């Protein structure tokens, strides 16, 4: 499960990821709240929506975008509130939570850690074989986060770790890679893009 946290629009997605890192679309949606609502009720709405998705789809893991400082302080605070609700909901139901930076997610799906939202949306559409781009952008971003986690080693029992030999940020939980495991062309491209992004 991938989540793009936000208090007004929280993107929630679910994918099936095979052992060879092929991603299959399951569902995507938005948990939305209104600015006029009381803050406690907005946070509760995000919490409840996350728990409902978890109960329906029973994910092996939940991946969420790590919060980074942005220009608008209010946006950062709202995102932090939504992230706390999501993390708490997952923790209560025993689902492991993994964190990925925005640049990691962009590099995973586009090959560039500086890609814009349009590029991310187009690549998500292509990777998942969708007929049209998921909208709003929060939905596409949630799918991108799920794809990123799957390709970084989030699959269960696959033995492939896209984060192997790559310095990861605090909070990530990469699985152990099997020695000599073969990578797909997309995985090799992603790994090369990550290496370039760190230079």
Protein backbone atom coordinates (compact mmCIF):
# COMPACT_ATOMS: atom_id res chain seq x y z
CA UNK A 1 0.00 0.00 0.00
CA UNK A 2 1.31 3.45 -0.92
CA UNK A 3 0.13 6.70 0.65
CA UNK A 4 0.79 10.30 -0.35
CA UNK A 5 -0.07 12.08 2.92
CA UNK A 6 -2.09 15.27 2.91
CA UNK A 7 -4.76 16.75 5.13
CA UNK A 8 -6.95 18.08 2.32
CA UNK A 9 -6.22 15.23 -0.13
CA UNK A 10 -4.56 12.04 1.09
CA UNK A 11 -3.77 9.70 -1.80
CA UNK A 12 -4.19 6.00 -0.96
CA UNK A 13 -3.22 3.18 -3.31
CA UNK A 14 -2.91 -0.58 -3.40
CA UNK A 15 -0.76 -2.67 -5.74
CA UNK A 16 0.12 -6.32 -6.11
CA UNK A 17 3.89 -6.72 -6.58
CA UNK A 18 5.26 -10.01 -7.87
CA UNK A 19 8.60 -11.51 -6.88
CA UNK A 20 10.14 -10.29 -10.16
CA UNK A 21 8.97 -6.75 -9.40
CA UNK A 22 6.04 -6.53 -11.78
CA UNK A 23 3.44 -4.16 -10.38
CA UNK A 24 -0.29 -4.67 -10.88
CA UNK A 25 -2.91 -2.04 -10.13
CA UNK A 26 -5.50 -2.94 -7.49
CA UNK A 27 -7.11 0.35 -6.42
CA UNK A 28 -6.46 4.02 -5.77
CA UNK A 29 -8.45 6.73 -4.06
CA UNK A 30 -8.42 9.97 -2.13
CA UNK A 31 -9.34 10.52 1.51
CA UNK A 32 -10.36 14.17 1.52
CA UNK A 33 -11.21 16.65 4.24
CA UNK A 34 -12.42 20.25 4.20
CA UNK A 35 -10.48 23.18 5.67
CA UNK A 36 -13.65 24.31 7.46
CA UNK A 37 -13.79 21.07 9.47
CA UNK A 38 -12.31 20.89 12.98
CA UNK A 39 -8.71 19.69 12.89
CA UNK A 40 -9.37 16.73 15.16
CA UNK A 41 -12.16 15.54 12.86
CA UNK A 42 -9.97 15.93 9.77
CA UNK A 43 -7.21 13.83 11.34
CA UNK A 44 -9.76 11.23 12.45
CA UNK A 45 -11.16 11.02 8.91
CA UNK A 46 -7.69 10.25 7.48
CA UNK A 47 -7.07 7.71 10.25
CA UNK A 48 -10.38 5.94 9.62
CA UNK A 49 -9.90 5.89 5.84
CA UNK A 50 -6.45 4.34 6.21
CA UNK A 51 -7.72 1.68 8.59
CA UNK A 52 -10.60 0.86 6.25
CA UNK A 53 -8.22 0.32 3.32
CA UNK A 54 -5.95 -1.83 5.46
CA UNK A 55 -8.86 -3.97 6.66
CA UNK A 56 -10.14 -4.46 3.10
CA UNK A 57 -6.84 -5.13 1.32
CA UNK A 58 -4.64 -6.52 4.13
CA UNK A 59 -1.34 -5.16 2.77
CA UNK A 60 2.02 -6.71 3.64
CA UNK A 61 3.47 -3.23 4.09
CA UNK A 62 2.53 0.43 3.94
CA UNK A 63 4.86 2.92 2.24
CA UNK A 64 4.48 6.63 2.87
CA UNK A 65 6.31 9.69 1.61
CA UNK A 66 8.71 11.14 4.15
CA UNK A 67 7.95 14.76 4.99
CA UNK A 68 10.45 17.32 3.78
CA UNK A 69 10.48 21.06 4.56
CA UNK A 70 8.53 23.02 1.99
CA UNK A 71 8.00 26.70 1.35
CA UNK A 72 4.59 26.82 3.03
CA UNK A 73 4.76 26.03 6.72
CA UNK A 74 1.01 25.35 6.87
CA UNK A 75 1.35 22.70 4.17
CA UNK A 76 4.12 20.96 6.10
CA UNK A 77 2.08 20.98 9.30
CA UNK A 78 -1.01 19.60 7.55
CA UNK A 79 1.06 16.88 5.89
CA UNK A 80 2.59 15.98 9.26
CA UNK A 81 -0.87 15.65 10.82
CA UNK A 82 -2.01 13.37 7.98
CA UNK A 83 1.19 11.30 8.18
CA UNK A 84 0.72 10.77 11.90
CA UNK A 85 -2.84 9.56 11.33
CA UNK A 86 -1.71 7.12 8.62
CA UNK A 87 1.24 5.78 10.61
CA UNK A 88 -0.91 5.30 13.72
CA UNK A 89 -3.62 3.49 11.77
CA UNK A 90 -1.06 1.09 10.28
CA UNK A 91 0.66 0.53 13.62
CA UNK A 92 -2.64 -0.32 15.33
CA UNK A 93 -3.30 -3.02 12.74
CA UNK A 94 0.25 -4.38 12.76
CA UNK A 95 1.23 -3.26 9.25
CA UNK A 96 4.93 -2.31 8.88
CA UNK A 97 5.45 1.30 7.78
CA UNK A 98 8.27 2.28 5.41
CA UNK A 99 9.38 5.78 4.41
CA UNK A 100 10.65 7.12 1.09
CA UNK A 101 11.79 10.61 0.20
CA UNK A 102 10.14 12.46 -2.70
CA UNK A 103 13.36 12.22 -4.75
CA UNK A 104 13.54 8.44 -4.19
CA UNK A 105 9.99 8.04 -5.44
CA UNK A 106 10.56 10.23 -8.51
CA UNK A 107 13.82 8.43 -9.35
CA UNK A 108 12.14 5.04 -9.00
CA UNK A 109 9.39 5.69 -11.52
CA UNK A 110 10.97 8.23 -13.91
CA UNK A 111 14.73 7.81 -13.60
CA UNK A 112 15.11 11.38 -12.31
CA UNK A 113 14.85 12.55 -8.72
CA UNK A 114 13.76 15.98 -9.98
CA UNK A 115 10.86 14.91 -12.18
CA UNK A 116 7.67 16.98 -12.11
CA UNK A 117 4.25 15.63 -11.15
CA UNK A 118 3.20 15.26 -14.78
CA UNK A 119 6.17 13.02 -15.54
CA UNK A 120 5.49 10.92 -12.46
CA UNK A 121 1.83 10.53 -13.45
CA UNK A 122 2.68 9.52 -17.01
CA UNK A 123 5.22 6.91 -15.89
CA UNK A 124 2.86 5.48 -13.27
CA UNK A 125 0.24 5.13 -16.02
CA UNK A 126 2.76 3.37 -18.26
CA UNK A 127 4.23 1.09 -15.58
CA UNK A 128 0.81 -0.10 -14.47
CA UNK A 129 -0.65 -0.29 -17.98
CA UNK A 130 -3.54 2.04 -17.11
CA UNK A 131 -5.80 3.51 -19.79
CA UNK A 132 -5.56 7.01 -18.35
CA UNK A 133 -3.48 8.90 -15.82
CA UNK A 134 -4.79 8.70 -12.25
CA UNK A 135 -6.13 12.03 -11.01
CA UNK A 136 -5.74 14.11 -8.96
CA UNK A 137 -1.95 14.10 -8.73
CA UNK A 138 -2.17 12.83 -5.16
CA UNK A 139 -3.59 9.55 -6.50
CA UNK A 140 -0.75 9.12 -9.00
CA UNK A 141 1.77 10.01 -6.29
CA UNK A 142 0.34 7.35 -3.97
CA UNK A 143 0.78 4.74 -6.71
CA UNK A 144 4.32 5.97 -7.36
CA UNK A 145 5.16 5.53 -3.67
CA UNK A 146 3.86 1.95 -3.76
CA UNK A 147 5.86 1.21 -6.92
CA UNK A 148 8.99 2.74 -5.40
CA UNK A 149 8.69 0.61 -2.29
CA UNK A 150 8.10 -2.55 -4.27
CA UNK A 151 11.15 -1.89 -6.44
CA UNK A 152 13.33 -0.98 -3.45
CA UNK A 153 12.87 -4.37 -1.89
CA UNK A 154 9.42 -4.19 -0.36
CA UNK A 155 8.19 -7.41 -1.96
CA UNK A 156 7.72 -10.38 0.30
CA UNK A 157 10.16 -13.23 -0.22
CA UNK A 158 11.48 -11.96 -3.54
CA UNK A 159 15.16 -11.92 -2.61
CA UNK A 160 15.71 -8.76 -4.68
CA UNK A 161 16.61 -5.52 -2.96
CA UNK A 162 16.72 -2.40 -5.07
CA UNK A 163 18.37 -0.60 -2.14
CA UNK A 164 21.29 -3.04 -1.93
CA UNK A 165 24.62 -1.19 -1.88
CA UNK A 166 22.67 2.07 -1.84
CA UNK A 167 22.75 4.42 1.12
CA UNK A 168 19.20 4.72 2.41
CA UNK A 169 17.65 7.39 4.58
CA UNK A 170 16.71 6.95 8.21
CA UNK A 171 13.45 5.08 8.60
CA UNK A 172 13.67 2.81 5.56
CA UNK A 173 13.61 -0.93 6.10
CA UNK A 174 15.28 -2.60 3.13
CA UNK A 175 15.14 -6.39 3.00
CA UNK A 176 18.21 -8.51 2.43
CA UNK A 177 19.10 -9.16 -1.19
CA UNK A 178 20.06 -12.53 -2.54
CA UNK A 179 23.61 -12.67 -3.89
CA UNK A 180 23.72 -12.45 -7.66
CA UNK A 181 19.97 -11.81 -8.03
CA UNK A 182 19.20 -10.66 -11.58
CA UNK A 183 17.66 -7.24 -12.13
CA UNK A 184 15.15 -6.34 -14.80
CA UNK A 185 16.05 -3.55 -17.28
CA UNK A 186 13.71 -1.18 -15.41
CA UNK A 187 15.37 -2.02 -12.10
CA UNK A 188 18.85 -1.45 -13.56
CA UNK A 189 17.74 1.93 -14.95
CA UNK A 190 16.32 2.90 -11.59
CA UNK A 191 19.50 1.87 -9.77
CA UNK A 192 21.64 3.89 -12.19
CA UNK A 193 19.37 6.93 -11.74
CA UNK A 194 19.71 6.68 -7.96
CA UNK A 195 23.50 6.55 -8.27
CA UNK A 196 23.51 9.66 -10.50
CA UNK A 197 21.21 11.51 -8.10
CA UNK A 198 23.71 11.03 -5.26
CA UNK A 199 26.67 12.47 -7.23
